[in-house]
Amino acid sequence: MITLDGKWTMQGLENTDDSRIKTYTELTDLINRIGFLPLFKNNIAGFSVEECTASNSWWCGNRNEDPWEWREIIASEGKIAYGKLFQNRAGFVSKEWYPRLAAYRRDGYDFDSRYEDGLASRKCKNIIDVLTEQEILPSYELKALAGFGKGGDKGFEGAISLLQMQTYITVRDFSRKRNKKNEEYGWSVAAYTLSEKLFGEDYVRSAYYMDGKTAKDEIIKHLLSRFPAASYEEMAKCIK
């Protein structure tokens, strides 16, 4: 995605290109085959939703054709992890590969042990504590309950991004705010849950027998088999 004349311009395929992903079910199948897929173009050629979909389908207003809308559908189904998972940018990770990503990013730490060892902030702990008590919360409710916002802590977006990157939380759905008449308004916002509540605690932690480096190497080896033109260093940067 690039900006031209102040507008976002997608670097995808032509609408006449039959190789493009045309539906969210096709995208789901692709994510499950590859295991990992960033939403937007990055340093690995072809490794994004943007590059395998039609450029003019984004933000087109048709839920059946718009990849921006598909991310909401896929997140709501709860079978694939979606969130800020690639260099603090959005993307997908299949259920099959998520435990290895957790082993890499957490390096054996569940959140409580990370916090006890002084490796996590109080702000992050407040978010985890709220989501431990709640099944799922939209970001604006989570923000308030975790003590951020007016008169409270700053840095909510940074903490939320970090916890997604560390695989402790994930986007579970999207919803729009409602006014006093119970009418929806505004853009859809992400709703979050603990990753263990999405896929199950034992499953998410099932690759903890690997240390972080071993899990990272396995992920990179797998992705290089899909994108052999990339170097180890390039792929490592993408999934950092």
C-alpha atoms as a PDB file:
ATOM      1  CA  MET A   1       0.000   0.000   0.000  1.00  0.00           C
ATOM      2  CA  ILE A   2       1.328   3.406  -0.996  1.00  0.00           C
ATOM      3  CA  THR A   3      -0.017   6.931  -0.719  1.00  0.00           C
ATOM      4  CA  LEU A   4      -0.657   8.854  -3.926  1.00  0.00           C
ATOM      5  CA  ASP A   5      -2.152  12.340  -3.900  1.00  0.00           C
ATOM      6  CA  GLY A   6      -3.110  11.826  -0.274  1.00  0.00           C
ATOM      7  CA  LYS A   7      -5.000   8.585  -0.943  1.00  0.00           C
ATOM      8  CA  TRP A   8      -4.165   4.994  -0.109  1.00  0.00           C
ATOM      9  CA  THR A   9      -3.382   3.007  -3.256  1.00  0.00           C
ATOM     10  CA  MET A  10      -3.252  -0.772  -3.074  1.00  0.00           C
ATOM     11  CA  GLN A  11      -0.519  -2.656  -4.918  1.00  0.00           C
ATOM     12  CA  GLY A  12      -2.554  -5.675  -5.838  1.00  0.00           C
ATOM     13  CA  LEU A  13      -3.805  -7.415  -8.951  1.00  0.00           C
ATOM     14  CA  GLU A  14      -6.040  -6.308 -11.771  1.00  0.00           C
ATOM     15  CA  ASN A  15      -9.677  -7.231 -11.457  1.00  0.00           C
ATOM     16  CA  THR A  16      -9.308  -9.279 -14.660  1.00  0.00           C
ATOM     17  CA  ASP A  17      -6.520 -11.439 -13.196  1.00  0.00           C
ATOM     18  CA  ASP A  18      -8.010 -14.886 -12.612  1.00  0.00           C
ATOM     19  CA  SER A  19      -5.246 -15.765 -10.133  1.00  0.00           C
ATOM     20  CA  ARG A  20      -6.552 -13.236  -7.593  1.00  0.00           C
ATOM     21  CA  ILE A  21      -8.257 -14.284  -4.357  1.00  0.00           C
ATOM     22  CA  LYS A  22     -11.938 -13.547  -4.934  1.00  0.00           C
ATOM     23  CA  THR A  23     -13.693 -14.557  -1.698  1.00  0.00           C
ATOM     24  CA  TYR A  24     -12.976 -14.722   2.011  1.00  0.00           C
ATOM     25  CA  THR A  25     -13.218 -18.519   1.890  1.00  0.00           C
ATOM     26  CA  GLU A  26     -10.428 -18.590  -0.702  1.00  0.00           C
ATOM     27  CA  LEU A  27      -8.404 -16.313   1.556  1.00  0.00           C
ATOM     28  CA  THR A  28      -9.061 -18.604   4.512  1.00  0.00           C
ATOM     29  CA  ASP A  29      -7.802 -21.573   2.504  1.00  0.00           C
ATOM     30  CA  LEU A  30      -4.661 -19.661   1.509  1.00  0.00           C
ATOM     31  CA  ILE A  31      -3.900 -18.672   5.112  1.00  0.00           C
ATOM     32  CA  ASN A  32      -4.292 -22.259   6.250  1.00  0.00           C
ATOM     33  CA  ARG A  33      -1.978 -23.489   3.476  1.00  0.00           C
ATOM     34  CA  ILE A  34       0.768 -20.942   4.144  1.00  0.00           C
ATOM     35  CA  GLY A  35       0.243 -20.617   7.893  1.00  0.00           C
ATOM     36  CA  PHE A  36       1.119 -16.919   7.998  1.00  0.00           C
ATOM     37  CA  LEU A  37      -0.079 -13.996   5.874  1.00  0.00           C
ATOM     38  CA  PRO A  38       0.385 -10.261   6.534  1.00  0.00           C
ATOM     39  CA  LEU A  39      -2.478  -8.023   5.470  1.00  0.00           C
ATOM     40  CA  PHE A  40      -0.382  -5.441   3.614  1.00  0.00           C
ATOM     41  CA  LYS A  41       2.620  -5.573   1.315  1.00  0.00           C
ATOM     42  CA  ASN A  42       5.969  -5.939   3.091  1.00  0.00           C
ATOM     43  CA  ASN A  43       9.593  -6.785   2.344  1.00  0.00           C
ATOM     44  CA  ILE A  44       8.749 -10.272   0.980  1.00  0.00           C
ATOM     45  CA  ALA A  45       7.297 -10.174  -2.544  1.00  0.00           C
ATOM     46  CA  GLY A  46       3.864 -11.809  -2.749  1.00  0.00           C
ATOM     47  CA  PHE A  47       3.610 -12.391   0.994  1.00  0.00           C
ATOM     48  CA  SER A  48       0.442 -10.400   1.731  1.00  0.00           C
ATOM     49  CA  VAL A  49      -3.305 -10.281   1.253  1.00  0.00           C
ATOM     50  CA  GLU A  50      -2.816  -7.005  -0.609  1.00  0.00           C
ATOM     51  CA  GLU A  51      -0.739  -8.595  -3.364  1.00  0.00           C
ATOM     52  CA  CYS A  52      -3.055 -11.530  -4.024  1.00  0.00           C
ATOM     53  CA  THR A  53      -6.320  -9.576  -4.243  1.00  0.00           C
ATOM     54  CA  ALA A  54      -7.711  -7.040  -6.704  1.00  0.00           C
ATOM     55  CA  SER A  55      -6.510  -3.493  -6.009  1.00  0.00           C
ATOM     56  CA  ASN A  56      -9.924  -1.944  -6.579  1.00  0.00           C
ATOM     57  CA  SER A  57     -11.747  -4.376  -4.291  1.00  0.00           C
ATOM     58  CA  TRP A  58     -10.457  -2.741  -1.088  1.00  0.00           C
ATOM     59  CA  TRP A  59     -12.933  -0.441   0.670  1.00  0.00           C
ATOM     60  CA  CYS A  60     -15.390  -0.988  -2.177  1.00  0.00           C
ATOM     61  CA  GLY A  61     -18.394  -1.268   0.147  1.00  0.00           C
ATOM     62  CA  ASN A  62     -19.239  -4.828  -0.900  1.00  0.00           C
ATOM     63  CA  ARG A  63     -18.656  -7.239   1.991  1.00  0.00           C
ATOM     64  CA  ASN A  64     -18.462 -10.195  -0.390  1.00  0.00           C
ATOM     65  CA  GLU A  65     -15.586  -8.665  -2.375  1.00  0.00           C
ATOM     66  CA  ASP A  66     -13.705  -6.390   0.051  1.00  0.00           C
ATOM     67  CA  PRO A  67     -10.594  -7.882   1.754  1.00  0.00           C
ATOM     68  CA  TRP A  68     -10.860  -5.187   4.437  1.00  0.00           C
ATOM     69  CA  GLU A  69     -14.253  -6.654   5.328  1.00  0.00           C
ATOM     70  CA  TRP A  70     -12.975 -10.231   5.053  1.00  0.00           C
ATOM     71  CA  ARG A  71     -10.627  -9.702   7.979  1.00  0.00           C
ATOM     72  CA  GLU A  72     -13.705  -9.059  10.151  1.00  0.00           C
ATOM     73  CA  ILE A  73     -15.427 -12.215   8.918  1.00  0.00           C
ATOM     74  CA  ILE A  74     -12.370 -14.381   9.455  1.00  0.00           C
ATOM     75  CA  ALA A  75     -11.709 -12.985  12.945  1.00  0.00           C
ATOM     76  CA  SER A  76     -15.333 -13.541  13.956  1.00  0.00           C
ATOM     77  CA  GLU A  77     -15.215 -17.205  12.927  1.00  0.00           C
ATOM     78  CA  GLY A  78     -12.517 -17.870  15.529  1.00  0.00           C
ATOM     79  CA  LYS A  79     -10.565 -20.423  13.481  1.00  0.00           C
ATOM     80  CA  ILE A  80      -7.622 -18.204  12.513  1.00  0.00           C
ATOM     81  CA  ALA A  81      -5.733 -15.636  14.585  1.00  0.00           C
ATOM     82  CA  TYR A  82      -5.911 -12.054  13.327  1.00  0.00           C
ATOM     83  CA  GLY A  83      -4.213  -8.995  14.750  1.00  0.00           C
ATOM     84  CA  LYS A  84      -0.968  -7.056  14.805  1.00  0.00           C
ATOM     85  CA  LEU A  85       1.345  -9.995  14.286  1.00  0.00           C
ATOM     86  CA  PHE A  86       3.956  -8.801  11.780  1.00  0.00           C
ATOM     87  CA  GLN A  87       6.197  -5.895  12.816  1.00  0.00           C
ATOM     88  CA  ASN A  88       3.234  -4.357  14.670  1.00  0.00           C
ATOM     89  CA  ARG A  89       1.180  -4.568  11.495  1.00  0.00           C
ATOM     90  CA  ALA A  90      -1.936  -6.620  10.877  1.00  0.00           C
ATOM     91  CA  GLY A  91      -2.057 -10.129   9.518  1.00  0.00           C
ATOM     92  CA  PHE A  92      -3.232 -13.700   9.952  1.00  0.00           C
ATOM     93  CA  VAL A  93      -1.762 -16.847  11.497  1.00  0.00           C
ATOM     94  CA  SER A  94      -3.408 -20.240  11.138  1.00  0.00           C
ATOM     95  CA  LYS A  95      -4.436 -22.244  14.176  1.00  0.00           C
ATOM     96  CA  GLU A  96      -1.911 -24.922  13.172  1.00  0.00           C
ATOM     97  CA  TRP A  97       1.058 -22.544  13.363  1.00  0.00           C
ATOM     98  CA  TYR A  98      -0.049 -20.304  16.217  1.00  0.00           C
ATOM     99  CA  PRO A  99       1.515 -22.466  18.995  1.00  0.00           C
ATOM    100  CA  ARG A 100       4.910 -22.233  17.329  1.00  0.00           C
ATOM    101  CA  LEU A 101       4.522 -18.489  16.980  1.00  0.00           C
ATOM    102  CA  ALA A 102       3.652 -18.358  20.696  1.00  0.00           C
ATOM    103  CA  ALA A 103       6.737 -20.431  21.515  1.00  0.00           C
ATOM    104  CA  TYR A 104       8.874 -18.017  19.502  1.00  0.00           C
ATOM    105  CA  ARG A 105       7.391 -14.747  20.726  1.00  0.00           C
ATOM    106  CA  ARG A 106       6.887 -15.781  24.374  1.00  0.00           C
ATOM    107  CA  ASP A 107      10.056 -17.888  24.681  1.00  0.00           C
ATOM    108  CA  GLY A 108       8.454 -20.042  27.371  1.00  0.00           C
ATOM    109  CA  TYR A 109       6.803 -17.280  29.374  1.00  0.00           C
ATOM    110  CA  ASP A 110       3.107 -17.209  30.092  1.00  0.00           C
ATOM    111  CA  PHE A 111       2.066 -13.658  30.893  1.00  0.00           C
ATOM    112  CA  ASP A 112       2.082 -14.017  34.682  1.00  0.00           C
ATOM    113  CA  SER A 113       5.637 -15.350  34.754  1.00  0.00           C
ATOM    114  CA  ARG A 114       6.737 -12.609  32.357  1.00  0.00           C
ATOM    115  CA  TYR A 115       5.255  -9.980  34.654  1.00  0.00           C
ATOM    116  CA  GLU A 116       6.724 -11.548  37.801  1.00  0.00           C
ATOM    117  CA  ASP A 117      10.175 -11.475  36.191  1.00  0.00           C
ATOM    118  CA  GLY A 118       9.801  -7.763  35.464  1.00  0.00           C
ATOM    119  CA  LEU A 119       9.510  -8.269  31.709  1.00  0.00           C
ATOM    120  CA  ALA A 120       5.989  -6.859  31.306  1.00  0.00           C
ATOM    121  CA  SER A 121       4.536  -3.506  32.258  1.00  0.00           C
ATOM    122  CA  ARG A 122       1.719  -2.774  34.688  1.00  0.00           C
ATOM    123  CA  LYS A 123      -0.258  -1.322  31.761  1.00  0.00           C
ATOM    124  CA  CYS A 124      -0.103  -4.642  29.944  1.00  0.00           C
ATOM    125  CA  LYS A 125      -1.026  -6.487  33.136  1.00  0.00           C
ATOM    126  CA  ASN A 126      -4.115  -4.318  33.558  1.00  0.00           C
ATOM    127  CA  ILE A 127      -5.283  -5.326  30.089  1.00  0.00           C
ATOM    128  CA  ILE A 128      -4.608  -9.012  30.745  1.00  0.00           C
ATOM    129  CA  ASP A 129      -6.406  -8.850  34.102  1.00  0.00           C
ATOM    130  CA  VAL A 130      -9.534  -7.382  32.493  1.00  0.00           C
ATOM    131  CA  LEU A 131      -9.569  -9.946  29.680  1.00  0.00           C
ATOM    132  CA  THR A 132      -9.051 -12.744  32.202  1.00  0.00           C
ATOM    133  CA  GLU A 133     -12.417 -11.796  33.699  1.00  0.00           C
ATOM    134  CA  GLN A 134     -14.182 -11.095  30.385  1.00  0.00           C
ATOM    135  CA  GLU A 135     -14.626 -13.401  27.411  1.00  0.00           C
ATOM    136  CA  ILE A 136     -14.357 -10.663  24.792  1.00  0.00           C
ATOM    137  CA  LEU A 137     -14.376  -6.861  24.856  1.00  0.00           C
ATOM    138  CA  PRO A 138     -14.385  -4.136  22.193  1.00  0.00           C
ATOM    139  CA  SER A 139     -11.341  -1.908  22.400  1.00  0.00           C
ATOM    140  CA  TYR A 140     -13.172   1.139  23.789  1.00  0.00           C
ATOM    141  CA  GLU A 141     -14.595  -0.879  26.695  1.00  0.00           C
ATOM    142  CA  LEU A 142     -11.304  -2.629  27.338  1.00  0.00           C
ATOM    143  CA  LYS A 143      -9.519   0.715  27.329  1.00  0.00           C
ATOM    144  CA  ALA A 144     -11.810   2.153  29.994  1.00  0.00           C
ATOM    145  CA  LEU A 145     -11.845  -0.946  32.224  1.00  0.00           C
ATOM    146  CA  ALA A 146      -8.046  -1.258  32.086  1.00  0.00           C
ATOM    147  CA  GLY A 147      -7.620   2.299  33.357  1.00  0.00           C
ATOM    148  CA  PHE A 148      -6.639   4.122  30.188  1.00  0.00           C
ATOM    149  CA  GLY A 149      -8.159   7.219  28.682  1.00  0.00           C
ATOM    150  CA  LYS A 150      -9.146  10.536  30.211  1.00  0.00           C
ATOM    151  CA  GLY A 151      -7.499  10.947  33.582  1.00  0.00           C
ATOM    152  CA  GLY A 152      -5.916   7.502  33.368  1.00  0.00           C
ATOM    153  CA  ASP A 153      -2.921   5.804  31.801  1.00  0.00           C
ATOM    154  CA  LYS A 154      -1.580   6.682  28.376  1.00  0.00           C
ATOM    155  CA  GLY A 155      -0.255   4.275  25.779  1.00  0.00           C
ATOM    156  CA  PHE A 156      -3.206   1.929  25.301  1.00  0.00           C
ATOM    157  CA  GLU A 157      -2.526   1.326  21.592  1.00  0.00           C
ATOM    158  CA  GLY A 158       1.113   0.541  22.254  1.00  0.00           C
ATOM    159  CA  ALA A 159       0.257  -1.957  24.989  1.00  0.00           C
ATOM    160  CA  ILE A 160      -2.430  -3.597  22.854  1.00  0.00           C
ATOM    161  CA  SER A 161      -0.024  -3.942  19.917  1.00  0.00           C
ATOM    162  CA  LEU A 162       2.697  -5.439  22.112  1.00  0.00           C
ATOM    163  CA  LEU A 163       0.349  -8.023  23.641  1.00  0.00           C
ATOM    164  CA  GLN A 164      -0.798  -9.087  20.185  1.00  0.00           C
ATOM    165  CA  MET A 165       2.774  -9.390  18.953  1.00  0.00           C
ATOM    166  CA  GLN A 166       3.628 -11.474  22.030  1.00  0.00           C
ATOM    167  CA  THR A 167       0.551 -13.660  21.245  1.00  0.00           C
ATOM    168  CA  TYR A 168      -1.116 -13.077  24.626  1.00  0.00           C
ATOM    169  CA  ILE A 169      -4.215 -11.472  23.110  1.00  0.00           C
ATOM    170  CA  THR A 170      -5.860 -11.549  19.700  1.00  0.00           C
ATOM    171  CA  VAL A 171      -8.699  -9.928  17.808  1.00  0.00           C
ATOM    172  CA  ARG A 172     -11.832 -12.041  18.212  1.00  0.00           C
ATOM    173  CA  ASP A 173     -14.447  -9.906  16.464  1.00  0.00           C
ATOM    174  CA  PHE A 174     -15.369  -6.432  15.258  1.00  0.00           C
ATOM    175  CA  SER A 175     -18.292  -4.270  16.316  1.00  0.00           C
ATOM    176  CA  ARG A 176     -19.585  -0.718  15.960  1.00  0.00           C
ATOM    177  CA  LYS A 177     -20.526   1.592  18.786  1.00  0.00           C
ATOM    178  CA  ARG A 178     -24.206   2.217  19.523  1.00  0.00           C
ATOM    179  CA  ASN A 179     -25.904   5.487  20.429  1.00  0.00           C
ATOM    180  CA  LYS A 180     -28.654   6.040  23.014  1.00  0.00           C
ATOM    181  CA  LYS A 181     -31.204   4.767  20.495  1.00  0.00           C
ATOM    182  CA  ASN A 182     -29.181   1.539  20.158  1.00  0.00           C
ATOM    183  CA  GLU A 183     -28.275   2.471  16.589  1.00  0.00           C
ATOM    184  CA  GLU A 184     -24.852   1.527  15.257  1.00  0.00           C
ATOM    185  CA  TYR A 185     -22.547   4.299  14.126  1.00  0.00           C
ATOM    186  CA  GLY A 186     -18.971   4.893  13.046  1.00  0.00           C
ATOM    187  CA  TRP A 187     -16.281   2.461  11.948  1.00  0.00           C
ATOM    188  CA  SER A 188     -16.102  -1.106  13.212  1.00  0.00           C
ATOM    189  CA  VAL A 189     -13.609  -1.503  16.041  1.00  0.00           C
ATOM    190  CA  ALA A 190     -11.683  -4.583  17.116  1.00  0.00           C
ATOM    191  CA  ALA A 191     -12.831  -6.696  20.053  1.00  0.00           C
ATOM    192  CA  TYR A 192     -10.135  -8.607  21.927  1.00  0.00           C
ATOM    193  CA  THR A 193      -9.794 -11.836  23.833  1.00  0.00           C
ATOM    194  CA  LEU A 194      -6.985 -13.830  25.417  1.00  0.00           C
ATOM    195  CA  SER A 195      -5.421 -16.166  22.867  1.00  0.00           C
ATOM    196  CA  GLU A 196      -5.890 -19.042  25.305  1.00  0.00           C
ATOM    197  CA  LYS A 197      -9.627 -18.348  25.287  1.00  0.00           C
ATOM    198  CA  LEU A 198      -9.690 -18.490  21.499  1.00  0.00           C
ATOM    199  CA  PHE A 199      -7.753 -21.713  20.927  1.00  0.00           C
ATOM    200  CA  GLY A 200      -7.499 -23.239  24.407  1.00  0.00           C
ATOM    201  CA  GLU A 201      -4.704 -22.933  26.953  1.00  0.00           C
ATOM    202  CA  ASP A 202      -3.158 -26.354  26.361  1.00  0.00           C
ATOM    203  CA  TYR A 203      -3.199 -25.876  22.606  1.00  0.00           C
ATOM    204  CA  VAL A 204      -1.653 -22.399  22.570  1.00  0.00           C
ATOM    205  CA  ARG A 205       1.132 -23.600  24.871  1.00  0.00           C
ATOM    206  CA  SER A 206       1.608 -26.944  23.131  1.00  0.00           C
ATOM    207  CA  ALA A 207       4.912 -25.902  21.515  1.00  0.00           C
ATOM    208  CA  TYR A 208       6.478 -24.592  24.729  1.00  0.00           C
ATOM    209  CA  TYR A 209       8.889 -27.528  24.583  1.00  0.00           C
ATOM    210  CA  MET A 210      10.720 -25.480  21.927  1.00  0.00           C
ATOM    211  CA  ASP A 211      12.890 -22.553  22.900  1.00  0.00           C
ATOM    212  CA  GLY A 212      12.275 -19.285  21.093  1.00  0.00           C
ATOM    213  CA  LYS A 213      15.136 -19.697  18.617  1.00  0.00           C
ATOM    214  CA  THR A 214      14.099 -23.219  17.627  1.00  0.00           C
ATOM    215  CA  ALA A 215      10.493 -22.140  17.059  1.00  0.00           C
ATOM    216  CA  LYS A 216      11.642 -19.114  15.054  1.00  0.00           C
ATOM    217  CA  ASP A 217      13.920 -21.249  12.871  1.00  0.00           C
ATOM    218  CA  GLU A 218      11.108 -23.731  12.195  1.00  0.00           C
ATOM    219  CA  ILE A 219       8.721 -20.950  11.172  1.00  0.00           C
ATOM    220  CA  ILE A 220      11.288 -19.345   8.880  1.00  0.00           C
ATOM    221  CA  LYS A 221      12.237 -22.668   7.293  1.00  0.00           C
ATOM    222  CA  HIS A 222       8.568 -23.338   6.575  1.00  0.00           C
ATOM    223  CA  LEU A 223       7.983 -19.895   5.060  1.00  0.00           C
ATOM    224  CA  LEU A 224      11.130 -20.068   2.923  1.00  0.00           C
ATOM    225  CA  SER A 225       9.771 -23.276   1.401  1.00  0.00           C
ATOM    226  CA  ARG A 226       6.820 -21.152   0.255  1.00  0.00           C
ATOM    227  CA  PHE A 227       8.854 -18.071  -0.702  1.00  0.00           C
ATOM    228  CA  PRO A 228      12.272 -19.405  -1.785  1.00  0.00           C
ATOM    229  CA  ALA A 229      13.350 -16.091  -3.351  1.00  0.00           C
ATOM    230  CA  ALA A 230      13.522 -14.532   0.129  1.00  0.00           C
ATOM    231  CA  SER A 231      16.587 -14.801   2.332  1.00  0.00           C
ATOM    232  CA  TYR A 232      16.593 -16.017   5.924  1.00  0.00           C
ATOM    233  CA  GLU A 233      17.336 -12.491   7.112  1.00  0.00           C
ATOM    234  CA  GLU A 234      14.475 -10.992   5.082  1.00  0.00           C
ATOM    235  CA  MET A 235      11.984 -13.497   6.435  1.00  0.00           C
ATOM    236  CA  ALA A 236      13.270 -13.049   9.986  1.00  0.00           C
ATOM    237  CA  LYS A 237      12.694  -9.312   9.668  1.00  0.00           C
ATOM    238  CA  CYS A 238       9.146  -9.868   8.414  1.00  0.00           C
ATOM    239  CA  ILE A 239       8.107 -12.105  11.312  1.00  0.00           C
ATOM    240  CA  LYS A 240      10.104 -10.270  13.998  1.00  0.00           C
END
